[in-house]
Amino acid sequence: MVVRRGIALALTIGLLLTLSACKSGPAPVDSGSGAVASKSQPTEDCNVGAKNEPGEPHYYVRAKQCAPGTTGISATFSVHKPTVASKDTMSLGQLAIARTLRTGSGEQDYTQNSIEVGWQVYPGLWGDDQPHLFIFPVGGQYSQMSANDCYKTGCGLMQDRSQDKYRPGASLSSLVDHGTIDLAVFREADKWWISVEGARIGYYPTSYWNDSSGFLAANKLAWYGEVAPGPSCTQMGDGTSGTGSGAAVIRSRMIQAKEGWKGASSGLDLVTDRTMYDGRIDGTTMYYGGPGNNNCPPSAAPNTGSGSNSGSGESPHGQGAGGRPDLIPVSSSAEPECGAADLDGSVMNQTSVPTDSFRVAWVVDGAIVKSGTVSDLPPRVAKSGLSVHQYLSPGEHIVKFVVDDTNLIAESDESNNTWTDRVTVPTCRSSPAQPVTPALPNPPSNLTVLSTDSYHIRISWQDDSNNEASFEVNNGNESRTVGQNVTSYVWSSTPGSYMCVRVRAVNSAGASPWEPSVSPFYRCTTTPNVQGSAM
């Protein structure tokens, strides 16, 4: 398939697993005698699909699991804002569930029906540099629609309008670098449900794929990071290599098999180029990411934001004069609102020379309002430097994000360390009250899950926090909320049902880590069958 830049780029992005789901099968082959060989019958094969090599337009770090008869996939993703080389470049993290059929002996002789869900940074599609939620079906009745239309609409997703917060294309900017999002796809009866943060936001009827071999169960599951087109200095995840600390993470990778939900057993099966992106597996947790190509020309450098950046940019060849680093502010922003401005600054070392720790600071009208320390910044990695919600009087203000303001680092270019912008704060009818944000609650502990009879499962835990507003009880498909100081919940079930459960504390600051916090990340039980019923 020919890859076109711009909107047509997304047509080849789709699944890492494939986007050739619209194929009608292999063409008859002339055996040389004038006779046409007959087509082979399609057979399920989870090993067809992407086998990228360096130099291809897509770069992946993927964990794949072959599991015929599977009807669900889930995971918890950290959310980031990777720096991309241009508006026509994308970087994402996602999960995918697919049914793949081999239709012939050639590498491209296969079809696929599948659903992808994840977060994506793609300025040319979304119009900004923030992560957005996407839902993307492959194959089926909408297979001829524009890929960009599918990213934005879900291509036939039957949406629950009461869950508009997580509609296709919703911004996830509030989760960047410190939040997570729970994603799941699972089939119940004749519907493939999409779940975000435990809420069912919509479904695809199984009839969606009636004209393309059907999709009642999957044989291929995948969790991965992707960058396209490559190679480039586009980051994957948070720009940190998946083999190091602080990398983007996909936790609690689960699949729904015939016996119920269980932890994924997959390992990394596809890493396109380990010099740019890499990953590792620890049980059901996957780490992935990387900075991309460290030899990008200056013309491919990331956008430095809407304000102005002093200095002329990178030293020749990206080495830095005299072998010294060159620090610059990148992706900085100052967003005014009634009585305040949100200031967000990041920093990048645009040479191949590493740095020690240094200070960054936000300066408003000539006065430092907040400072912080950036430690051990690797070459060509953009790192979140400092954010502050600054209360300001109405009117115009000069804001600056200053990198290495105390001059601890001897740089090749000391003239490009300041990002400057002019913001106008609107007048408020009344001054906003200073918000009081509580600390995150402690996670609960000692979770137990027991079937009390054939129709009920009792879930109990220990309350270890003193500031929770509620508890969220989740079974991988949906969540139930119970009140403050409550330490148990009874979940209605059916005879012979297998259920896995986790619980966390929640308040206005966010949610605690899940209990249990170690593999397999759920506590499970099975309700007994009613006497006389079949096993």
Protein backbone atom coordinates (compact mmCIF):
# COMPACT_ATOMS: atom_id res chain seq x y z
CA MET A 1 0.00 0.00 0.00
CA VAL A 2 1.31 3.45 -0.92
CA VAL A 3 1.58 5.81 2.05
CA ARG A 4 0.60 9.42 1.45
CA ARG A 5 1.41 12.18 3.88
CA GLY A 6 -1.35 14.29 5.44
CA ILE A 7 -4.82 12.89 5.75
CA ALA A 8 -4.04 9.79 3.71
CA LEU A 9 -1.32 8.84 6.20
CA ALA A 10 -3.91 7.42 8.57
CA LEU A 11 -5.08 4.97 5.91
CA THR A 12 -1.97 2.91 6.50
CA ILE A 13 -1.82 3.41 10.24
CA GLY A 14 -4.87 1.50 11.50
CA LEU A 15 -3.80 -1.55 13.38
CA LEU A 16 -0.26 -2.60 13.82
CA LEU A 17 -1.78 -5.96 13.11
CA THR A 18 -2.96 -4.86 9.58
CA LEU A 19 -5.13 -2.51 7.59
CA SER A 20 -5.73 -4.92 4.72
CA ALA A 21 -9.04 -6.02 6.17
CA CYS A 22 -10.86 -4.84 3.06
CA LYS A 23 -9.15 -7.45 0.88
CA SER A 24 -11.45 -9.90 -0.82
CA GLY A 25 -8.88 -12.70 -0.78
CA PRO A 26 -6.10 -13.79 -3.11
CA ALA A 27 -6.61 -13.67 -6.86
CA PRO A 28 -6.63 -16.98 -8.76
CA VAL A 29 -3.12 -18.04 -9.75
CA ASP A 30 -2.22 -19.16 -13.26
CA SER A 31 -0.32 -22.43 -12.83
CA GLY A 32 1.40 -22.01 -16.19
CA SER A 33 -0.67 -24.60 -18.03
CA GLY A 34 -3.52 -22.22 -18.75
CA ALA A 35 -5.57 -23.55 -15.84
CA VAL A 36 -6.39 -21.31 -12.90
CA ALA A 37 -5.59 -22.71 -9.47
CA SER A 38 -8.48 -22.77 -7.00
CA LYS A 39 -8.53 -20.52 -3.94
CA SER A 40 -7.71 -22.06 -0.58
CA GLN A 41 -10.33 -21.86 2.15
CA PRO A 42 -9.66 -19.08 4.70
CA THR A 43 -8.18 -20.39 7.95
CA GLU A 44 -7.62 -18.58 11.23
CA ASP A 45 -3.98 -17.56 11.66
CA CYS A 46 -2.85 -15.01 14.26
CA ASN A 47 0.67 -14.79 12.83
CA VAL A 48 -0.27 -12.81 9.74
CA GLY A 49 0.10 -9.04 9.74
CA ALA A 50 2.77 -6.44 10.39
CA LYS A 51 6.40 -7.55 10.23
CA ASN A 52 7.99 -4.13 9.93
CA GLU A 53 11.68 -3.62 9.39
CA PRO A 54 13.63 -0.37 9.94
CA GLY A 55 12.97 2.03 7.08
CA GLU A 56 9.25 1.28 6.89
CA PRO A 57 6.79 4.11 7.61
CA HIS A 58 5.56 2.61 10.92
CA TYR A 59 7.64 1.97 14.03
CA TYR A 60 6.29 -0.28 16.80
CA VAL A 61 6.92 -1.69 20.25
CA ARG A 62 4.32 -4.46 20.52
CA ALA A 63 3.27 -7.33 22.75
CA LYS A 64 1.06 -9.87 20.96
CA GLN A 65 -0.83 -12.89 22.26
CA CYS A 66 -2.42 -15.59 20.10
CA ALA A 67 -5.57 -16.79 21.88
CA PRO A 68 -8.32 -18.32 19.70
CA GLY A 69 -11.83 -17.91 21.09
CA THR A 70 -11.00 -14.73 23.04
CA THR A 71 -13.82 -12.23 23.58
CA GLY A 72 -12.18 -9.40 25.51
CA ILE A 73 -9.04 -7.31 26.08
CA SER A 74 -8.25 -4.61 28.64
CA ALA A 75 -5.39 -2.59 30.15
CA THR A 76 -4.56 0.60 32.03
CA PHE A 77 -2.48 3.11 30.02
CA SER A 78 -0.37 6.02 31.23
CA VAL A 79 -1.13 9.05 29.04
CA HIS A 80 1.54 11.33 27.59
CA LYS A 81 2.12 14.19 25.15
CA PRO A 82 5.06 12.98 23.03
CA THR A 83 6.81 15.55 20.86
CA VAL A 84 6.13 14.85 17.17
CA ALA A 85 8.26 16.02 14.25
CA SER A 86 5.41 17.62 12.27
CA LYS A 87 1.64 17.97 12.14
CA ASP A 88 1.49 14.97 9.79
CA THR A 89 3.24 12.68 12.28
CA MET A 90 1.44 10.62 14.92
CA SER A 91 2.44 8.87 18.13
CA LEU A 92 0.08 6.61 20.08
CA GLY A 93 -0.47 3.90 22.67
CA GLN A 94 -3.27 1.39 22.17
CA LEU A 95 -4.74 -2.08 22.52
CA ALA A 96 -6.29 -4.15 19.72
CA ILE A 97 -8.44 -7.27 19.47
CA ALA A 98 -8.65 -9.01 16.11
CA ARG A 99 -9.73 -12.04 14.11
CA THR A 100 -7.25 -12.68 11.30
CA LEU A 101 -7.76 -15.19 8.48
CA ARG A 102 -5.14 -16.48 6.06
CA THR A 103 -6.56 -16.61 2.53
CA GLY A 104 -3.50 -17.78 0.63
CA SER A 105 0.22 -18.47 0.83
CA GLY A 106 1.49 -14.92 0.24
CA GLU A 107 2.45 -12.44 2.98
CA GLN A 108 -0.46 -10.17 2.04
CA ASP A 109 -3.00 -12.98 1.65
CA TYR A 110 -5.08 -12.38 4.77
CA THR A 111 -8.13 -10.51 6.02
CA GLN A 112 -8.82 -9.00 9.39
CA ASN A 113 -11.75 -7.85 11.50
CA SER A 114 -10.74 -5.93 14.59
CA ILE A 115 -11.22 -3.04 17.02
CA GLU A 116 -8.50 -0.66 18.27
CA VAL A 117 -8.80 1.74 21.23
CA GLY A 118 -6.12 4.07 22.58
CA TRP A 119 -4.70 7.58 22.92
CA GLN A 120 -3.06 9.43 20.06
CA VAL A 121 -1.12 12.66 19.45
CA TYR A 122 -1.65 13.71 15.82
CA PRO A 123 -1.70 17.52 15.26
CA GLY A 124 -2.74 17.26 11.61
CA LEU A 125 -5.89 15.35 12.61
CA TRP A 126 -6.88 16.88 15.96
CA GLY A 127 -5.60 20.43 15.46
CA ASP A 128 -3.41 20.50 18.61
CA ASP A 129 -0.48 18.71 20.25
CA GLN A 130 -2.56 17.03 22.99
CA PRO A 131 -3.46 13.32 23.33
CA HIS A 132 -6.96 12.32 22.17
CA LEU A 133 -9.05 9.18 22.63
CA PHE A 134 -9.63 7.19 19.46
CA ILE A 135 -11.73 4.11 18.60
CA PHE A 136 -11.03 2.45 15.27
CA PRO A 137 -12.75 -0.61 13.72
CA VAL A 138 -11.07 -2.50 10.86
CA GLY A 139 -13.09 -4.38 8.23
CA GLY A 140 -16.85 -4.47 8.21
CA GLN A 141 -19.45 -2.21 6.68
CA TYR A 142 -17.50 1.06 7.08
CA SER A 143 -14.25 -0.28 5.58
CA GLN A 144 -14.36 2.19 2.68
CA MET A 145 -14.63 5.30 4.86
CA SER A 146 -11.73 7.72 5.32
CA ALA A 147 -9.43 6.56 8.12
CA ASN A 148 -9.42 10.09 9.58
CA ASP A 149 -13.22 10.06 9.67
CA CYS A 150 -13.08 6.77 11.54
CA TYR A 151 -10.65 8.16 14.12
CA LYS A 152 -13.00 11.08 14.77
CA THR A 153 -16.35 9.26 14.76
CA GLY A 154 -15.64 5.62 15.60
CA CYS A 155 -17.06 4.63 12.18
CA GLY A 156 -20.43 3.21 13.13
CA LEU A 157 -19.95 3.10 16.92
CA MET A 158 -23.36 3.06 18.63
CA GLN A 159 -22.51 5.72 21.22
CA ASP A 160 -24.06 6.22 24.63
CA ARG A 161 -24.56 9.99 24.58
CA SER A 162 -24.64 10.10 28.39
CA GLN A 163 -20.93 9.18 28.27
CA ASP A 164 -19.95 12.11 26.03
CA LYS A 165 -16.85 12.79 28.16
CA TYR A 166 -15.22 9.82 26.43
CA ARG A 167 -16.55 10.23 22.91
CA PRO A 168 -14.17 9.43 20.01
CA GLY A 169 -11.73 12.34 19.72
CA ALA A 170 -12.12 13.49 23.34
CA SER A 171 -9.08 15.37 24.66
CA LEU A 172 -7.09 13.57 27.38
CA SER A 173 -4.84 16.57 28.14
CA SER A 174 -5.75 16.51 31.85
CA LEU A 175 -4.10 13.08 32.17
CA VAL A 176 -0.76 13.94 30.55
CA ASP A 177 2.26 12.49 32.42
CA HIS A 178 0.45 11.90 35.72
CA GLY A 179 -2.88 10.22 34.89
CA THR A 180 -3.97 6.85 33.56
CA ILE A 181 -6.94 5.60 31.58
CA ASP A 182 -8.60 2.16 31.74
CA LEU A 183 -9.56 0.79 28.31
CA ALA A 184 -11.39 -2.42 27.42
CA VAL A 185 -13.15 -4.10 24.49
CA PHE A 186 -15.33 -7.15 25.13
CA ARG A 187 -18.23 -9.02 23.54
CA GLU A 188 -21.54 -9.70 25.28
CA ALA A 189 -24.19 -11.50 23.21
CA ASP A 190 -24.31 -9.70 19.83
CA LYS A 191 -22.41 -6.55 20.87
CA TRP A 192 -18.71 -5.63 21.07
CA TRP A 193 -18.64 -3.09 23.93
CA ILE A 194 -16.08 -0.31 24.36
CA SER A 195 -15.33 0.58 27.99
CA VAL A 196 -13.40 3.67 29.13
CA GLU A 197 -12.69 4.18 32.84
CA GLY A 198 -15.17 1.39 33.64
CA ALA A 199 -18.04 3.05 31.72
CA ARG A 200 -19.60 1.49 28.62
CA ILE A 201 -19.42 4.32 26.09
CA GLY A 202 -20.81 2.44 23.09
CA TYR A 203 -20.76 -0.76 21.06
CA TYR A 204 -20.48 -2.31 17.60
CA PRO A 205 -23.08 -4.95 16.72
CA THR A 206 -21.49 -8.20 15.58
CA SER A 207 -23.49 -7.81 12.37
CA TYR A 208 -21.09 -4.98 11.51
CA TRP A 209 -18.71 -7.68 10.20
CA ASN A 210 -21.29 -10.06 8.62
CA ASP A 211 -20.00 -9.33 5.11
CA SER A 212 -16.33 -9.84 6.01
CA SER A 213 -16.16 -13.36 7.48
CA GLY A 214 -17.75 -12.40 10.81
CA PHE A 215 -16.32 -11.39 14.18
CA LEU A 216 -17.73 -13.31 17.14
CA ALA A 217 -14.37 -14.11 18.75
CA ALA A 218 -10.76 -13.05 18.33
CA ASN A 219 -7.54 -14.98 17.83
CA LYS A 220 -5.07 -12.09 18.19
CA LEU A 221 -4.61 -9.58 21.04
CA ALA A 222 -2.03 -6.78 21.06
CA TRP A 223 -0.84 -3.89 23.24
CA TYR A 224 1.63 -1.45 21.72
CA GLY A 225 3.14 1.93 21.01
CA GLU A 226 3.40 3.23 17.45
CA VAL A 227 4.99 6.14 15.56
CA ALA A 228 4.31 6.99 11.91
CA PRO A 229 5.79 7.99 9.62
CA GLY A 230 9.36 7.14 10.59
CA PRO A 231 12.20 7.34 11.09
CA SER A 232 12.05 10.71 12.83
CA CYS A 233 12.78 12.47 16.10
CA THR A 234 9.14 11.85 17.05
CA GLN A 235 8.88 10.47 20.57
CA MET A 236 6.98 7.31 21.53
CA GLY A 237 5.30 7.23 24.94
CA ASP A 238 6.90 9.95 27.06
CA GLY A 239 10.13 9.94 25.05
CA THR A 240 11.91 7.62 27.51
CA SER A 241 13.19 4.24 26.33
CA GLY A 242 10.99 1.37 27.47
CA THR A 243 14.04 -0.34 28.98
CA GLY A 244 14.68 2.51 31.41
CA SER A 245 12.90 3.95 34.44
CA GLY A 246 10.06 6.40 33.98
CA ALA A 247 8.92 4.96 30.65
CA ALA A 248 5.31 4.92 29.41
CA VAL A 249 3.47 1.95 30.88
CA ILE A 250 0.56 -0.36 30.06
CA ARG A 251 -0.55 -2.11 33.27
CA SER A 252 -3.00 -4.87 34.11
CA ARG A 253 -3.09 -6.37 30.60
CA MET A 254 -6.03 -8.79 30.69
CA ILE A 255 -7.86 -11.01 28.21
CA GLN A 256 -11.33 -12.56 28.42
CA ALA A 257 -11.15 -16.25 27.54
CA LYS A 258 -13.76 -18.98 27.94
CA GLU A 259 -12.94 -19.35 31.63
CA GLY A 260 -13.27 -15.59 32.24
CA TRP A 261 -10.84 -12.70 32.62
CA LYS A 262 -7.19 -13.54 33.24
CA GLY A 263 -3.77 -11.91 32.99
CA ALA A 264 -2.11 -11.70 29.59
CA SER A 265 0.86 -13.99 29.02
CA SER A 266 2.28 -12.23 25.98
CA GLY A 267 5.82 -10.98 25.54
CA LEU A 268 7.31 -8.45 23.14
CA ASP A 269 7.07 -9.87 19.61
CA LEU A 270 7.81 -6.81 17.46
CA VAL A 271 10.26 -3.96 18.07
CA THR A 272 10.95 -2.23 14.75
CA ASP A 273 14.23 -0.50 15.67
CA ARG A 274 15.67 -0.72 19.18
CA THR A 275 18.02 2.21 18.53
CA MET A 276 14.98 4.52 18.58
CA TYR A 277 12.23 2.75 20.56
CA ASP A 278 12.27 -0.22 22.93
CA GLY A 279 10.27 -1.97 25.62
CA ARG A 280 10.12 -4.67 28.25
CA ILE A 281 7.56 -6.93 29.92
CA ASP A 282 7.13 -7.54 33.65
CA GLY A 283 4.23 -9.94 34.15
CA THR A 284 1.10 -8.20 32.91
CA THR A 285 2.86 -4.82 32.81
CA MET A 286 4.49 -3.50 29.62
CA TYR A 287 6.91 -0.57 29.37
CA TYR A 288 7.54 1.09 26.01
CA GLY A 289 8.79 4.26 24.33
CA GLY A 290 11.84 6.13 23.14
CA PRO A 291 13.13 9.44 21.76
CA GLY A 292 13.20 8.45 18.08
CA ASN A 293 16.05 9.24 15.71
CA ASN A 294 18.82 11.14 17.50
CA ASN A 295 20.25 12.38 14.20
CA CYS A 296 17.35 14.55 13.05
CA PRO A 297 18.26 17.64 11.03
CA PRO A 298 17.37 21.03 12.55
CA SER A 299 14.42 21.31 10.13
CA ALA A 300 12.80 18.33 11.89
CA ALA A 301 13.10 19.83 15.37
CA PRO A 302 9.87 19.93 17.43
CA ASN A 303 7.64 22.99 17.50
CA THR A 304 8.67 25.30 20.35
CA GLY A 305 5.22 26.68 21.03
CA SER A 306 3.25 29.82 20.23
CA GLY A 307 5.55 32.22 22.12
CA SER A 308 8.99 33.32 21.01
CA ASN A 309 12.24 31.52 21.78
CA SER A 310 15.40 33.61 22.05
CA GLY A 311 18.57 32.53 20.25
CA SER A 312 19.26 30.98 16.90
CA GLY A 313 18.79 27.30 17.68
CA GLU A 314 21.02 24.27 17.46
CA SER A 315 24.75 24.23 16.88
CA PRO A 316 26.01 22.67 13.62
CA HIS A 317 25.65 18.87 13.40
CA GLY A 318 23.80 18.70 16.73
CA GLN A 319 27.02 18.18 18.73
CA GLY A 320 27.24 21.52 20.54
CA ALA A 321 30.27 23.76 20.37
CA GLY A 322 33.19 22.23 22.22
CA GLY A 323 31.14 19.12 23.04
CA ARG A 324 28.71 21.02 25.27
CA PRO A 325 24.92 20.55 25.59
CA ASP A 326 22.38 23.08 24.32
CA LEU A 327 19.17 23.43 26.35
CA ILE A 328 16.03 25.03 24.90
CA PRO A 329 12.41 25.43 26.09
CA VAL A 330 9.93 23.43 23.96
CA SER A 331 6.14 23.00 23.84
CA SER A 332 5.74 25.77 26.42
CA SER A 333 2.34 27.44 26.83
CA ALA A 334 0.61 30.12 28.89
CA GLU A 335 -3.18 29.81 28.83
CA PRO A 336 -5.02 32.76 30.48
CA GLU A 337 -8.38 32.41 32.17
CA CYS A 338 -10.47 34.44 34.58
CA GLY A 339 -8.03 35.70 37.22
CA ALA A 340 -5.22 33.24 36.41
CA ALA A 341 -3.04 31.56 33.80
CA ASP A 342 -1.93 27.94 33.40
CA LEU A 343 1.80 27.93 32.69
CA ASP A 344 3.31 24.72 31.34
CA GLY A 345 6.96 24.49 30.29
CA SER A 346 9.09 21.66 28.90
CA VAL A 347 12.79 21.54 28.09
CA MET A 348 14.91 19.71 25.53
CA ASN A 349 18.65 19.10 25.14
CA GLN A 350 19.00 19.42 21.38
CA THR A 351 22.57 18.09 21.16
CA SER A 352 24.02 14.61 21.69
CA VAL A 353 25.81 15.70 24.89
CA PRO A 354 24.04 14.69 28.17
CA THR A 355 23.57 17.12 31.07
CA ASP A 356 23.66 17.17 34.86
CA SER A 357 20.80 18.64 36.91
CA PHE A 358 19.76 22.25 36.34
CA ARG A 359 17.02 24.68 37.40
CA VAL A 360 14.05 25.96 35.40
CA ALA A 361 11.76 28.83 36.37
CA TRP A 362 8.57 30.64 35.43
CA VAL A 363 8.92 34.42 35.53
CA VAL A 364 5.88 36.72 35.44
CA ASP A 365 6.40 40.46 34.97
CA GLY A 366 10.05 40.13 36.00
CA ALA A 367 9.49 38.08 39.19
CA ILE A 368 10.07 34.33 39.62
CA VAL A 369 6.75 32.71 40.60
CA LYS A 370 7.96 29.08 40.64
CA SER A 371 11.18 27.18 40.07
CA GLY A 372 12.12 23.51 39.90
CA THR A 373 14.93 21.10 39.04
CA VAL A 374 15.31 18.92 35.93
CA SER A 375 17.62 15.95 36.52
CA ASP A 376 19.80 14.06 34.05
CA LEU A 377 18.22 15.14 30.77
CA PRO A 378 19.24 12.66 28.03
CA PRO A 379 20.18 13.90 24.55
CA ARG A 380 17.25 14.96 22.31
CA VAL A 381 14.58 14.12 24.88
CA ALA A 382 11.85 16.67 25.67
CA LYS A 383 10.94 16.53 29.34
CA SER A 384 8.22 18.23 31.33
CA GLY A 385 10.01 20.97 33.22
CA LEU A 386 7.55 22.95 35.32
CA SER A 387 3.82 23.69 35.54
CA VAL A 388 2.01 26.23 37.68
CA HIS A 389 -1.52 27.61 37.98
CA GLN A 390 -0.68 31.27 38.61
CA TYR A 391 -3.25 33.73 39.94
CA LEU A 392 -2.90 37.07 38.13
CA SER A 393 -4.64 40.42 38.08
CA PRO A 394 -6.74 41.27 35.00
CA GLY A 395 -4.77 42.81 32.15
CA GLU A 396 -1.60 42.13 30.19
CA HIS A 397 1.35 40.20 31.62
CA ILE A 398 4.77 39.13 30.28
CA VAL A 399 5.51 35.48 31.09
CA LYS A 400 8.83 33.72 30.57
CA PHE A 401 9.95 30.11 30.93
CA VAL A 402 13.69 30.16 31.65
CA VAL A 403 15.91 27.08 31.34
CA ASP A 404 19.06 26.88 33.50
CA ASP A 405 18.37 30.32 34.93
CA THR A 406 21.26 29.94 37.43
CA ASN A 407 23.76 29.02 34.66
CA LEU A 408 24.85 25.70 36.16
CA ILE A 409 25.32 24.13 32.69
CA ALA A 410 28.05 25.32 30.33
CA GLU A 411 26.15 25.33 27.03
CA SER A 412 27.16 25.68 23.41
CA ASP A 413 24.54 28.44 23.04
CA GLU A 414 23.51 30.45 26.10
CA SER A 415 21.22 32.78 24.12
CA ASN A 416 18.25 30.46 23.54
CA ASN A 417 17.25 29.56 27.11
CA THR A 418 14.16 31.76 27.45
CA TRP A 419 10.65 31.33 26.03
CA THR A 420 8.57 34.53 26.20
CA ASP A 421 4.89 35.21 25.68
CA ARG A 422 2.45 38.04 26.34
CA VAL A 423 -0.90 37.02 27.85
CA THR A 424 -4.03 38.99 28.65
CA VAL A 425 -5.96 37.84 31.71
CA PRO A 426 -9.68 38.69 31.45
CA THR A 427 -11.55 40.62 34.11
CA CYS A 428 -13.63 38.51 36.47
CA ARG A 429 -16.90 39.53 38.04
CA SER A 430 -15.47 38.31 41.31
CA SER A 431 -12.03 37.02 42.22
CA PRO A 432 -11.83 33.22 42.12
CA ALA A 433 -11.49 31.50 45.44
CA GLN A 434 -8.21 29.75 46.07
CA PRO A 435 -8.99 26.07 45.45
CA VAL A 436 -8.10 23.56 48.12
CA THR A 437 -7.15 20.29 46.52
CA PRO A 438 -6.87 17.29 48.83
CA ALA A 439 -4.08 14.76 48.54
CA LEU A 440 -4.78 11.53 46.67
CA PRO A 441 -6.30 8.92 48.97
CA ASN A 442 -4.28 5.91 50.09
CA PRO A 443 -5.21 2.68 48.30
CA PRO A 444 -7.31 0.13 50.16
CA SER A 445 -5.72 -3.18 51.17
CA ASN A 446 -6.56 -6.82 51.98
CA LEU A 447 -9.08 -7.24 49.17
CA THR A 448 -11.08 -10.47 49.43
CA VAL A 449 -13.57 -11.81 46.91
CA LEU A 450 -15.88 -14.67 47.98
CA SER A 451 -19.02 -16.22 46.48
CA THR A 452 -21.68 -16.31 49.19
CA ASP A 453 -24.05 -18.38 47.06
CA SER A 454 -24.79 -19.09 43.40
CA TYR A 455 -26.07 -15.56 42.81
CA HIS A 456 -23.90 -13.25 44.91
CA ILE A 457 -20.22 -12.35 45.31
CA ARG A 458 -19.11 -10.49 48.44
CA ILE A 459 -16.18 -8.10 47.99
CA SER A 460 -14.42 -6.75 51.12
CA TRP A 461 -11.42 -4.53 51.72
CA GLN A 462 -9.64 -2.51 54.40
CA ASP A 463 -10.05 1.28 54.31
CA ASP A 464 -6.54 2.76 54.67
CA SER A 465 -7.36 6.38 53.78
CA ASN A 466 -8.99 9.18 55.72
CA ASN A 467 -9.91 11.44 52.82
CA GLU A 468 -11.66 9.29 50.23
CA ALA A 469 -15.03 10.38 48.85
CA SER A 470 -15.93 6.93 47.55
CA PHE A 471 -14.58 3.56 46.45
CA GLU A 472 -14.63 2.22 42.90
CA VAL A 473 -15.15 -1.54 42.53
CA ASN A 474 -14.26 -2.81 39.04
CA ASN A 475 -14.57 -6.27 37.45
CA GLY A 476 -12.71 -5.53 34.22
CA ASN A 477 -15.94 -4.75 32.35
CA GLU A 478 -17.69 -2.21 34.53
CA SER A 479 -17.36 -0.29 37.78
CA ARG A 480 -19.62 0.18 40.79
CA THR A 481 -19.27 3.10 43.22
CA VAL A 482 -19.80 2.80 46.98
CA GLY A 483 -19.68 5.54 49.57
CA GLN A 484 -17.10 6.94 51.94
CA ASN A 485 -15.93 4.57 54.72
CA VAL A 486 -17.76 1.62 53.12
CA THR A 487 -15.61 -1.55 53.16
CA SER A 488 -17.71 -4.14 51.34
CA TYR A 489 -19.98 -4.63 48.36
CA VAL A 490 -22.16 -7.52 47.14
CA TRP A 491 -22.15 -8.02 43.36
CA SER A 492 -25.08 -9.93 41.87
CA SER A 493 -24.02 -12.78 39.61
CA THR A 494 -25.27 -16.00 38.04
CA PRO A 495 -24.51 -19.68 38.83
CA GLY A 496 -21.12 -20.87 37.63
CA SER A 497 -19.83 -17.35 36.87
CA TYR A 498 -16.13 -16.49 37.13
CA MET A 499 -15.41 -12.91 38.22
CA CYS A 500 -12.20 -10.97 38.93
CA VAL A 501 -12.35 -7.75 40.95
CA ARG A 502 -10.15 -4.82 41.96
CA VAL A 503 -10.90 -1.73 44.11
CA ARG A 504 -9.49 1.77 44.59
CA ALA A 505 -10.24 4.89 46.64
CA VAL A 506 -11.38 8.11 44.92
CA ASN A 507 -11.65 11.79 45.85
CA SER A 508 -11.65 15.12 44.01
CA ALA A 509 -7.87 14.93 43.48
CA GLY A 510 -8.16 11.63 41.62
CA ALA A 511 -7.93 7.92 42.33
CA SER A 512 -5.49 5.84 44.35
CA PRO A 513 -3.64 2.88 42.81
CA TRP A 514 -5.73 -0.27 42.40
CA GLU A 515 -5.77 -2.96 45.08
CA PRO A 516 -4.26 -5.43 44.44
CA SER A 517 -1.24 -3.58 43.04
CA VAL A 518 0.82 -6.66 42.11
CA SER A 519 0.28 -9.38 39.52
CA PRO A 520 -2.24 -10.68 38.66
CA PHE A 521 -3.84 -7.34 39.74
CA TYR A 522 -7.29 -8.89 40.45
CA ARG A 523 -8.87 -11.18 43.07
CA CYS A 524 -11.12 -13.83 41.50
CA THR A 525 -13.81 -16.32 42.48
CA THR A 526 -16.45 -18.56 40.87
CA THR A 527 -20.06 -18.81 42.00
CA PRO A 528 -21.20 -22.42 42.57
CA ASN A 529 -23.63 -24.04 40.16
CA VAL A 530 -27.20 -24.54 41.30
CA GLN A 531 -27.71 -28.12 42.44
CA GLY A 532 -28.74 -30.25 39.48
CA SER A 533 -27.49 -27.86 36.81
CA ALA A 534 -25.01 -28.91 34.11
CA MET A 535 -21.33 -28.01 34.53
